[in-house]
Amino acid sequence: MPSDALLEALPSALDLARFQFAFTVVWHFLFPAFTIGLASYLAVLEGLWLWTGRALYLDLWRYWVKVFAVAFAMGVVSGIVMSYQFGTNWSVFSDRTGPLLGPLLGYEVLTAFFLEAGFLGVMLFGLNRVGRGLHFLATLLVAAGTLISAFWILSANSWMQTPAGYALGPDGRFEPADWWAAIFNPSFPYRFVHTVTAAYLTTALIVGAVGAYHLLKDAANARARVMFSMAMWMALFVAPVQLVIGDLHGLNTLQHQPQKVAAIEAHWETRRYAPLILFAMPDQERETNRLELAVPGLGSLILGHGWDAEIRGLRSFPPDERPTNVPLVFWSFRVMVGLGLLMIALGLVSAWLRWKGRLYTTPWFLRWAVAMGGSGLIAVTAGWIVTEAGRQPYTVFGLLRTAESASPVAAPAVATSLALFVIVYFLVFGAGIWVLLRLMAHPPLPHEPEMPTGEPIRTAGITPAPSVDAGRAVPQPGE
């Protein structure tokens, strides 16, 4: 028989359920974080092709639409698994919040998923089957669908962070009292703009990394030049804007979830002239920081916009109201911010090299851009961890605890499903990522082939745009 000490060391059903949801949501979030931006990028490329008539933009559209198709499919599949867990591991949460969150998620299906599914086939396979205007409309609608999907999903998640517009029924269920207040809850506008902007940056960095990779092999590749140029413009202008949006989001979090901000900054004491802690090893048991490196007063200036602003520390909250894993929240935030600063630096250096006429021919900078290719995915994952781990020990902040939300399922059952998820995810999504990397390793060339359909393409009187610039290695409009 196992000893009592061994039984205590084993994770509980609640711990396993939390880890299972964290594992699946991180995998899932990687794909929408990419496809939201990529769908809009495809719309821009097709619009530029229609506007300028340059086949170069059509070649880039055909290049990236294959990547989009694979990433979109993996995002859909991984999202289905998350829904499954609401019924198996979090049935109490589903029952209590269903009257309010159920319609929000239903609206996402009705307004976004149906829109994407309805026009995705036209976008992927209809370029030579429907008119150019109709095809461009399909691409725009798919891009709009990804944004609408993000709208509803982030509204539901933001409601869990800052619940509003609800009434508690006699059975303890959250019932809608004001749909407008529930949808546009206090943290939603900030979280929506911050997340969508992060998705655009994530896509730009991946596109830029692919362009840089091919420029290292062939600096005269006109298509690689254009994709790299567009990505660096995004990094130059959008990364600094994201820093401002993040600051506004942080001020909103300080107002509604001050204990989360205290964990982000590893502040244990409430004080004025609070320092900005750059590095520390938070010791949750002793409620102190080891190896702390801080800038005096800067924390109050950033969080309270004043040197003498009072910043609450974790000790001002009851122990059962604090985030359950302060080091995780603290370090995840620093990973996100650190990568964001590197993105800003990348954009600034790109502007300087562009001015010097060496943007496409500076090997060290191109290697840096390749290395930054996955930084957006890491940053959005770290940000998601800050958001979710910082909300603990609640699923609905201040109202429904995580321990009260779980299903009455035994630990062995949850452990079995978790093990199966891990195996299947690494096999299926590992193969999918391998396919994506293979697609992106292929250099963008003139006359990029269509999406494979398994049958000959019938143009039926539709004349493709001539490749008037095939092989020209000259700067393009917008470079």
Protein backbone atom coordinates (compact mmCIF):
# COMPACT_ATOMS: atom_id res chain seq x y z
CA MET A 1 0.00 0.00 0.00
CA PRO A 2 1.33 3.50 -0.76
CA SER A 3 2.35 5.57 2.24
CA ASP A 4 0.46 8.66 3.35
CA ALA A 5 3.44 10.84 2.39
CA LEU A 6 3.41 9.43 -1.15
CA LEU A 7 -0.32 9.99 -1.47
CA GLU A 8 0.08 13.60 -0.35
CA ALA A 9 2.85 14.12 -2.91
CA LEU A 10 0.68 12.90 -5.78
CA PRO A 11 -1.23 15.62 -7.66
CA SER A 12 -4.92 15.87 -6.91
CA ALA A 13 -7.71 15.63 -9.48
CA LEU A 14 -8.00 19.43 -9.33
CA ASP A 15 -4.29 19.93 -10.02
CA LEU A 16 -4.42 17.50 -12.93
CA ALA A 17 -7.54 19.14 -14.37
CA ARG A 18 -5.90 22.56 -14.16
CA PHE A 19 -2.74 21.31 -15.84
CA GLN A 20 -4.74 19.56 -18.56
CA PHE A 21 -6.65 22.72 -19.40
CA ALA A 22 -3.45 24.79 -19.31
CA PHE A 23 -1.72 22.31 -21.63
CA THR A 24 -4.54 22.29 -24.18
CA VAL A 25 -5.21 26.03 -24.08
CA VAL A 26 -1.55 26.87 -24.66
CA TRP A 27 -1.45 24.59 -27.71
CA HIS A 28 -4.72 26.02 -28.98
CA PHE A 29 -3.80 29.66 -28.48
CA LEU A 30 -0.66 29.33 -30.62
CA PHE A 31 -2.71 28.85 -33.78
CA PRO A 32 -5.31 31.66 -33.48
CA ALA A 33 -2.51 34.00 -32.41
CA PHE A 34 -0.99 33.31 -35.83
CA THR A 35 -4.07 32.95 -38.04
CA ILE A 36 -5.78 36.15 -36.83
CA GLY A 37 -2.91 38.21 -38.16
CA LEU A 38 -2.25 35.98 -41.15
CA ALA A 39 -5.85 36.26 -42.38
CA SER A 40 -5.56 40.06 -42.39
CA TYR A 41 -2.15 39.83 -44.07
CA LEU A 42 -3.68 37.71 -46.84
CA ALA A 43 -6.40 40.31 -47.32
CA VAL A 44 -3.75 43.04 -47.62
CA LEU A 45 -1.75 41.03 -50.15
CA GLU A 46 -4.77 40.30 -52.31
CA GLY A 47 -5.88 43.93 -52.10
CA LEU A 48 -2.43 45.08 -53.23
CA TRP A 49 -2.54 42.62 -56.13
CA LEU A 50 -5.93 43.90 -57.28
CA TRP A 51 -4.86 47.51 -56.84
CA THR A 52 -1.44 47.34 -58.50
CA GLY A 53 -1.86 44.37 -60.84
CA ARG A 54 1.55 43.07 -59.76
CA ALA A 55 1.76 39.28 -59.81
CA LEU A 56 4.33 39.46 -57.02
CA TYR A 57 1.59 40.09 -54.47
CA LEU A 58 -0.48 37.23 -55.88
CA ASP A 59 2.53 34.92 -55.54
CA LEU A 60 2.92 35.94 -51.89
CA TRP A 61 -0.80 35.40 -51.30
CA ARG A 62 -0.58 31.90 -52.76
CA TYR A 63 2.53 31.22 -50.68
CA TRP A 64 0.95 32.18 -47.35
CA VAL A 65 -2.56 30.85 -47.96
CA LYS A 66 -1.20 27.29 -47.78
CA VAL A 67 0.33 28.05 -44.40
CA PHE A 68 -2.95 29.62 -43.27
CA ALA A 69 -4.96 26.54 -44.27
CA VAL A 70 -2.82 24.19 -42.14
CA ALA A 71 -2.65 26.53 -39.14
CA PHE A 72 -6.39 27.25 -39.28
CA ALA A 73 -7.22 23.53 -39.33
CA MET A 74 -5.02 22.85 -36.30
CA GLY A 75 -6.62 25.75 -34.43
CA VAL A 76 -10.11 24.37 -35.04
CA VAL A 77 -9.17 20.86 -33.92
CA SER A 78 -7.43 22.03 -30.75
CA GLY A 79 -10.40 24.25 -29.87
CA ILE A 80 -12.82 21.32 -29.98
CA VAL A 81 -10.79 19.51 -27.33
CA MET A 82 -11.05 22.48 -24.99
CA SER A 83 -14.84 22.43 -25.21
CA TYR A 84 -14.79 18.75 -24.31
CA GLN A 85 -13.05 19.52 -21.02
CA PHE A 86 -15.76 21.91 -19.86
CA GLY A 87 -18.08 18.93 -19.58
CA THR A 88 -15.64 16.38 -18.19
CA ASN A 89 -13.39 18.30 -15.79
CA TRP A 90 -15.26 21.54 -15.11
CA SER A 91 -18.92 20.61 -15.03
CA VAL A 92 -19.70 22.75 -11.96
CA PHE A 93 -18.19 25.79 -13.66
CA SER A 94 -20.17 25.03 -16.83
CA ASP A 95 -23.40 24.69 -14.86
CA ARG A 96 -22.90 27.85 -12.79
CA THR A 97 -21.77 30.11 -15.66
CA GLY A 98 -23.67 28.44 -18.51
CA PRO A 99 -26.62 30.89 -18.62
CA LEU A 100 -24.20 33.74 -19.29
CA LEU A 101 -21.11 32.31 -20.95
CA GLY A 102 -23.06 29.78 -23.03
CA PRO A 103 -24.72 32.43 -25.22
CA LEU A 104 -21.43 34.33 -25.64
CA LEU A 105 -19.70 31.21 -26.95
CA GLY A 106 -22.78 30.41 -29.04
CA TYR A 107 -22.62 33.85 -30.65
CA GLU A 108 -19.00 33.11 -31.55
CA VAL A 109 -20.12 30.04 -33.47
CA LEU A 110 -23.07 31.78 -35.15
CA THR A 111 -21.32 35.00 -36.15
CA ALA A 112 -17.69 33.99 -36.61
CA PHE A 113 -17.22 30.27 -37.14
CA PHE A 114 -20.05 29.98 -39.66
CA LEU A 115 -18.70 33.05 -41.47
CA GLU A 116 -15.20 31.58 -41.64
CA ALA A 117 -16.42 28.12 -42.61
CA GLY A 118 -18.76 29.50 -45.24
CA PHE A 119 -16.13 31.51 -47.09
CA LEU A 120 -12.95 29.59 -46.26
CA GLY A 121 -13.43 27.19 -49.17
CA VAL A 122 -13.99 30.07 -51.59
CA MET A 123 -10.84 31.77 -50.31
CA LEU A 124 -8.68 28.64 -50.48
CA PHE A 125 -9.87 27.12 -53.76
CA GLY A 126 -11.92 29.76 -55.57
CA LEU A 127 -9.31 32.13 -56.96
CA ASN A 128 -9.72 30.76 -60.51
CA ARG A 129 -13.35 29.74 -60.06
CA VAL A 130 -15.11 32.94 -59.03
CA GLY A 131 -14.65 36.57 -59.96
CA ARG A 132 -11.78 38.49 -58.43
CA GLY A 133 -14.12 40.80 -56.54
CA LEU A 134 -16.05 37.91 -54.99
CA HIS A 135 -12.85 36.13 -54.08
CA PHE A 136 -11.44 39.25 -52.41
CA LEU A 137 -14.72 39.59 -50.51
CA ALA A 138 -14.34 36.00 -49.30
CA THR A 139 -10.81 36.73 -48.06
CA LEU A 140 -12.04 39.86 -46.26
CA LEU A 141 -14.87 37.93 -44.63
CA VAL A 142 -12.54 35.19 -43.41
CA ALA A 143 -10.28 37.86 -41.91
CA ALA A 144 -13.32 39.55 -40.33
CA GLY A 145 -14.45 36.18 -38.99
CA THR A 146 -11.18 35.68 -37.12
CA LEU A 147 -11.59 39.09 -35.48
CA ILE A 148 -15.22 38.45 -34.58
CA SER A 149 -14.23 35.11 -33.08
CA ALA A 150 -11.59 36.86 -30.98
CA PHE A 151 -14.21 39.40 -29.92
CA TRP A 152 -16.56 36.83 -28.41
CA ILE A 153 -13.91 34.56 -26.91
CA LEU A 154 -12.13 37.47 -25.25
CA SER A 155 -15.42 38.91 -24.05
CA ALA A 156 -16.18 35.62 -22.30
CA ASN A 157 -12.69 35.37 -20.83
CA SER A 158 -12.73 39.02 -19.74
CA TRP A 159 -16.05 38.46 -18.00
CA MET A 160 -14.37 35.74 -15.94
CA GLN A 161 -11.70 38.32 -14.99
CA THR A 162 -14.01 41.29 -14.35
CA PRO A 163 -17.60 39.95 -14.07
CA ALA A 164 -20.37 42.46 -14.74
CA GLY A 165 -23.98 42.55 -15.92
CA TYR A 166 -25.00 39.40 -14.01
CA ALA A 167 -27.39 38.39 -11.27
CA LEU A 168 -27.04 35.36 -9.01
CA GLY A 169 -30.07 33.09 -9.22
CA PRO A 170 -31.46 31.19 -6.24
CA ASP A 171 -29.51 28.10 -7.35
CA GLY A 172 -26.22 30.05 -7.45
CA ARG A 173 -26.07 30.27 -11.24
CA PHE A 174 -24.87 33.43 -12.98
CA GLU A 175 -27.77 34.81 -14.99
CA PRO A 176 -27.57 37.72 -17.44
CA ALA A 177 -29.00 40.96 -16.09
CA ASP A 178 -27.45 43.41 -18.58
CA TRP A 179 -25.99 41.90 -21.74
CA TRP A 180 -24.27 45.12 -22.76
CA ALA A 181 -22.46 45.33 -19.42
CA ALA A 182 -21.59 41.63 -19.51
CA ILE A 183 -20.14 41.72 -23.03
CA PHE A 184 -18.32 45.03 -22.63
CA ASN A 185 -17.15 44.29 -19.11
CA PRO A 186 -14.44 46.55 -17.58
CA SER A 187 -11.37 44.66 -18.82
CA PHE A 188 -12.68 43.56 -22.24
CA PRO A 189 -11.76 46.59 -24.40
CA TYR A 190 -8.17 46.54 -23.15
CA ARG A 191 -7.76 42.77 -23.40
CA PHE A 192 -9.29 42.63 -26.89
CA VAL A 193 -7.08 45.36 -28.36
CA HIS A 194 -3.98 44.03 -26.57
CA THR A 195 -4.55 40.46 -27.77
CA VAL A 196 -5.40 41.32 -31.38
CA THR A 197 -2.39 43.64 -31.62
CA ALA A 198 -0.24 40.83 -30.22
CA ALA A 199 -1.62 38.52 -32.92
CA TYR A 200 -0.65 40.99 -35.65
CA LEU A 201 2.86 41.30 -34.19
CA THR A 202 3.15 37.53 -33.90
CA THR A 203 2.29 37.11 -37.58
CA ALA A 204 4.61 39.92 -38.65
CA LEU A 205 7.55 38.35 -36.82
CA ILE A 206 6.90 34.93 -38.38
CA VAL A 207 6.56 36.46 -41.85
CA GLY A 208 9.68 38.51 -41.25
CA ALA A 209 11.63 35.46 -40.08
CA VAL A 210 10.65 33.52 -43.20
CA GLY A 211 11.61 36.45 -45.42
CA ALA A 212 14.94 36.86 -43.62
CA TYR A 213 15.65 33.13 -43.89
CA HIS A 214 15.24 33.21 -47.66
CA LEU A 215 17.17 36.47 -48.01
CA LEU A 216 20.12 34.82 -46.30
CA LYS A 217 20.01 32.25 -49.09
CA ASP A 218 19.24 34.67 -51.92
CA ALA A 219 19.38 38.42 -51.22
CA ALA A 220 17.90 39.11 -54.67
CA ASN A 221 14.61 37.26 -54.04
CA ALA A 222 12.07 40.02 -54.70
CA ARG A 223 9.22 38.21 -52.95
CA ALA A 224 11.28 37.55 -49.83
CA ARG A 225 12.23 41.23 -49.84
CA VAL A 226 8.63 42.36 -49.91
CA MET A 227 7.45 40.07 -47.12
CA PHE A 228 10.46 41.03 -44.99
CA SER A 229 9.93 44.74 -45.65
CA MET A 230 6.24 44.60 -44.71
CA ALA A 231 7.04 42.69 -41.52
CA MET A 232 9.67 45.20 -40.43
CA TRP A 233 7.27 48.10 -41.01
CA MET A 234 4.83 46.33 -38.67
CA ALA A 235 7.51 45.82 -36.03
CA LEU A 236 8.57 49.46 -36.28
CA PHE A 237 5.10 50.96 -35.79
CA VAL A 238 3.03 48.34 -33.99
CA ALA A 239 5.48 47.14 -31.31
CA PRO A 240 5.73 50.57 -29.61
CA VAL A 241 1.95 50.97 -29.81
CA GLN A 242 1.58 47.59 -28.12
CA LEU A 243 3.71 48.86 -25.23
CA VAL A 244 1.26 51.74 -24.70
CA ILE A 245 -1.76 49.42 -24.95
CA GLY A 246 -0.14 47.07 -22.45
CA ASP A 247 0.37 49.94 -20.01
CA LEU A 248 -3.33 50.90 -20.26
CA HIS A 249 -4.30 47.27 -19.77
CA GLY A 250 -2.04 47.12 -16.71
CA LEU A 251 -3.70 50.20 -15.18
CA ASN A 252 -7.10 48.58 -15.73
CA THR A 253 -5.84 45.40 -14.04
CA LEU A 254 -4.50 47.45 -11.11
CA GLN A 255 -7.97 48.90 -10.64
CA HIS A 256 -9.92 45.64 -10.83
CA GLN A 257 -7.39 42.94 -9.86
CA PRO A 258 -4.76 44.62 -7.65
CA GLN A 259 -3.52 41.32 -6.23
CA LYS A 260 -2.63 40.17 -9.75
CA VAL A 261 -0.52 43.30 -10.27
CA ALA A 262 1.10 42.79 -6.87
CA ALA A 263 2.10 39.27 -7.99
CA ILE A 264 3.30 40.57 -11.37
CA GLU A 265 5.60 43.03 -9.59
CA ALA A 266 6.39 40.72 -6.61
CA HIS A 267 5.45 43.47 -4.18
CA TRP A 268 4.83 42.04 -0.71
CA GLU A 269 4.55 45.29 1.24
CA THR A 270 2.19 48.19 0.56
CA ARG A 271 4.33 51.29 0.11
CA ARG A 272 4.86 54.57 -1.62
CA TYR A 273 7.86 55.13 -3.87
CA ALA A 274 7.55 51.43 -4.77
CA PRO A 275 10.50 50.11 -6.77
CA LEU A 276 10.34 48.48 -10.17
CA ILE A 277 11.71 45.01 -9.54
CA LEU A 278 13.71 43.94 -12.57
CA PHE A 279 14.94 40.62 -11.22
CA ALA A 280 14.07 38.60 -8.13
CA MET A 281 13.38 35.11 -6.87
CA PRO A 282 9.97 35.48 -5.15
CA ASP A 283 9.76 33.28 -2.04
CA GLN A 284 6.05 32.70 -1.55
CA GLU A 285 6.48 30.78 1.71
CA ARG A 286 8.52 33.53 3.42
CA GLU A 287 6.67 36.33 1.60
CA THR A 288 9.85 38.01 0.45
CA ASN A 289 12.15 38.26 -2.57
CA ARG A 290 15.64 36.84 -2.84
CA LEU A 291 18.34 38.25 -5.13
CA GLU A 292 16.26 41.35 -5.79
CA LEU A 293 17.43 43.93 -8.34
CA ALA A 294 15.15 46.97 -8.42
CA VAL A 295 14.97 50.62 -9.50
CA PRO A 296 13.69 52.75 -6.58
CA GLY A 297 10.43 54.62 -7.15
CA LEU A 298 9.97 53.51 -10.75
CA GLY A 299 7.22 51.01 -9.85
CA SER A 300 5.03 53.77 -8.42
CA LEU A 301 5.70 55.95 -11.47
CA ILE A 302 4.72 53.21 -13.95
CA LEU A 303 1.75 51.77 -12.05
CA GLY A 304 0.42 54.90 -10.35
CA HIS A 305 1.87 57.50 -12.74
CA GLY A 306 3.45 59.31 -9.79
CA TRP A 307 6.67 58.83 -7.81
CA ASP A 308 4.78 58.76 -4.51
CA ALA A 309 1.81 56.64 -5.67
CA GLU A 310 0.87 53.96 -3.16
CA ILE A 311 1.08 50.42 -4.52
CA ARG A 312 -0.59 47.62 -2.57
CA GLY A 313 1.47 44.58 -1.69
CA LEU A 314 0.41 40.95 -1.47
CA ARG A 315 0.41 41.00 2.34
CA SER A 316 -2.54 43.41 2.26
CA PHE A 317 -4.69 40.60 0.83
CA PRO A 318 -5.78 37.48 2.73
CA PRO A 319 -3.63 34.46 1.80
CA ASP A 320 -6.58 32.74 0.12
CA GLU A 321 -7.16 35.79 -2.12
CA ARG A 322 -3.66 35.92 -3.57
CA PRO A 323 -2.51 34.28 -6.83
CA THR A 324 -1.51 30.73 -6.02
CA ASN A 325 1.81 30.82 -7.91
CA VAL A 326 3.51 34.20 -7.60
CA PRO A 327 6.85 33.19 -9.20
CA LEU A 328 5.04 31.91 -12.31
CA VAL A 329 3.12 35.17 -12.72
CA PHE A 330 6.22 37.28 -11.99
CA TRP A 331 8.49 35.56 -14.51
CA SER A 332 5.88 35.09 -17.23
CA PHE A 333 5.27 38.83 -17.23
CA ARG A 334 9.00 39.53 -17.58
CA VAL A 335 9.30 37.12 -20.47
CA MET A 336 6.45 38.91 -22.24
CA VAL A 337 7.80 42.41 -21.61
CA GLY A 338 11.39 41.44 -22.41
CA LEU A 339 10.39 40.02 -25.77
CA GLY A 340 8.27 43.09 -26.44
CA LEU A 341 11.30 45.34 -25.90
CA LEU A 342 13.31 43.16 -28.31
CA MET A 343 10.55 43.58 -30.90
CA ILE A 344 10.74 47.37 -30.53
CA ALA A 345 14.52 47.21 -30.91
CA LEU A 346 14.15 45.04 -34.02
CA GLY A 347 11.85 47.60 -35.61
CA LEU A 348 14.13 50.53 -34.77
CA VAL A 349 17.22 48.80 -36.15
CA SER A 350 15.30 47.86 -39.30
CA ALA A 351 14.43 51.53 -39.85
CA TRP A 352 18.09 52.51 -39.51
CA LEU A 353 19.24 49.80 -41.92
CA ARG A 354 16.47 50.73 -44.37
CA TRP A 355 17.69 54.34 -44.30
CA LYS A 356 21.23 53.11 -44.95
CA GLY A 357 20.02 50.91 -47.83
CA ARG A 358 21.23 47.70 -46.12
CA LEU A 359 17.98 46.20 -44.86
CA TYR A 360 18.16 43.12 -47.10
CA THR A 361 21.92 42.61 -47.12
CA THR A 362 22.97 42.70 -43.45
CA PRO A 363 23.50 39.07 -42.39
CA TRP A 364 23.59 39.64 -38.62
CA PHE A 365 20.30 41.52 -38.73
CA LEU A 366 18.65 38.87 -40.91
CA ARG A 367 19.79 36.18 -38.46
CA TRP A 368 18.34 38.24 -35.61
CA ALA A 369 15.02 38.45 -37.46
CA VAL A 370 15.03 34.67 -37.98
CA ALA A 371 15.73 34.14 -34.26
CA MET A 372 12.79 36.44 -33.40
CA GLY A 373 10.39 34.43 -35.56
CA GLY A 374 8.84 32.53 -32.64
CA SER A 375 9.10 35.36 -30.11
CA GLY A 376 5.52 36.48 -30.68
CA LEU A 377 4.19 33.00 -29.92
CA ILE A 378 6.27 32.85 -26.74
CA ALA A 379 5.16 36.34 -25.70
CA VAL A 380 1.42 35.67 -26.17
CA THR A 381 1.78 32.39 -24.27
CA ALA A 382 3.54 34.17 -21.41
CA GLY A 383 0.85 36.87 -21.42
CA TRP A 384 -1.88 34.25 -21.30
CA ILE A 385 -0.18 32.61 -18.32
CA VAL A 386 -0.07 35.97 -16.53
CA THR A 387 -3.77 36.50 -17.19
CA GLU A 388 -4.92 33.05 -16.12
CA ALA A 389 -2.47 32.23 -13.31
CA GLY A 390 -2.91 35.74 -11.91
CA ARG A 391 -6.68 35.21 -11.64
CA GLN A 392 -6.27 32.20 -9.36
CA PRO A 393 -7.63 30.96 -7.01
CA TYR A 394 -10.80 31.91 -8.92
CA THR A 395 -12.37 30.88 -12.20
CA VAL A 396 -14.81 33.80 -11.96
CA PHE A 397 -12.77 36.42 -10.17
CA GLY A 398 -13.96 37.08 -6.64
CA LEU A 399 -17.10 34.96 -7.08
CA LEU A 400 -16.38 31.33 -8.00
CA ARG A 401 -13.26 29.53 -6.80
CA THR A 402 -11.37 27.07 -8.93
CA ALA A 403 -11.69 24.37 -6.28
CA GLU A 404 -15.48 24.77 -6.40
CA SER A 405 -15.59 24.61 -10.22
CA ALA A 406 -14.19 21.14 -10.85
CA SER A 407 -16.13 17.98 -11.66
CA PRO A 408 -16.29 15.15 -9.12
CA VAL A 409 -13.87 13.05 -11.16
CA ALA A 410 -11.18 10.86 -9.59
CA ALA A 411 -7.52 11.71 -10.14
CA PRO A 412 -6.70 8.49 -12.06
CA ALA A 413 -9.37 9.29 -14.66
CA VAL A 414 -8.05 12.82 -15.18
CA ALA A 415 -4.45 11.53 -15.29
CA THR A 416 -5.38 9.00 -17.99
CA SER A 417 -7.04 11.59 -20.22
CA LEU A 418 -4.13 13.99 -19.63
CA ALA A 419 -1.60 11.36 -20.68
CA LEU A 420 -3.60 10.62 -23.82
CA PHE A 421 -3.84 14.33 -24.64
CA VAL A 422 -0.09 14.77 -24.28
CA ILE A 423 0.67 11.81 -26.57
CA VAL A 424 -1.90 12.71 -29.23
CA TYR A 425 -1.05 16.43 -29.19
CA PHE A 426 2.66 15.87 -29.68
CA LEU A 427 2.00 13.40 -32.49
CA VAL A 428 -0.73 15.31 -34.34
CA PHE A 429 0.38 18.88 -33.78
CA GLY A 430 4.03 17.95 -34.00
CA ALA A 431 3.31 16.63 -37.48
CA GLY A 432 1.29 19.75 -38.30
CA ILE A 433 4.09 22.07 -37.20
CA TRP A 434 6.53 20.02 -39.28
CA VAL A 435 4.30 20.58 -42.33
CA LEU A 436 4.17 24.32 -41.58
CA LEU A 437 7.95 24.52 -41.34
CA ARG A 438 8.29 22.60 -44.62
CA LEU A 439 5.93 25.04 -46.33
CA MET A 440 7.82 28.06 -45.00
CA ALA A 441 11.21 26.55 -45.92
CA HIS A 442 10.12 26.63 -49.58
CA PRO A 443 11.32 29.93 -51.12
CA PRO A 444 8.67 32.28 -52.53
CA LEU A 445 9.06 32.17 -56.30
CA PRO A 446 7.32 33.57 -59.39
CA HIS A 447 4.20 31.68 -60.44
CA GLU A 448 3.63 30.24 -56.97
CA PRO A 449 1.37 27.17 -57.40
CA GLU A 450 -2.26 27.11 -56.35
CA MET A 451 -3.65 25.29 -53.34
CA PRO A 452 -3.63 21.56 -54.23
CA THR A 453 -7.15 20.39 -55.07
CA GLY A 454 -6.54 16.93 -56.51
CA GLU A 455 -8.11 17.90 -59.85
CA PRO A 456 -7.16 20.09 -62.82
CA ILE A 457 -7.98 23.76 -62.42
CA ARG A 458 -10.66 24.90 -64.87
CA THR A 459 -10.26 28.59 -65.55
CA ALA A 460 -13.42 28.80 -67.71
CA GLY A 461 -12.61 32.07 -69.38
CA ILE A 462 -10.84 33.62 -66.40
CA THR A 463 -7.43 34.91 -67.40
CA PRO A 464 -4.84 34.90 -64.64
CA ALA A 465 -2.89 38.11 -64.07
CA PRO A 466 0.34 38.14 -66.10
CA SER A 467 3.57 37.80 -64.14
CA VAL A 468 4.87 41.13 -65.34
CA ASP A 469 7.55 41.33 -62.66
CA ALA A 470 8.68 37.74 -62.50
CA GLY A 471 12.26 37.52 -61.37
CA ARG A 472 12.75 41.25 -60.84
CA ALA A 473 14.82 41.88 -57.73
CA VAL A 474 13.98 45.56 -57.26
CA PRO A 475 12.36 47.39 -54.35
CA GLN A 476 8.58 47.25 -54.51
CA PRO A 477 5.99 49.84 -53.45
CA GLY A 478 5.90 50.07 -49.69
CA GLU A 479 9.45 48.85 -49.14
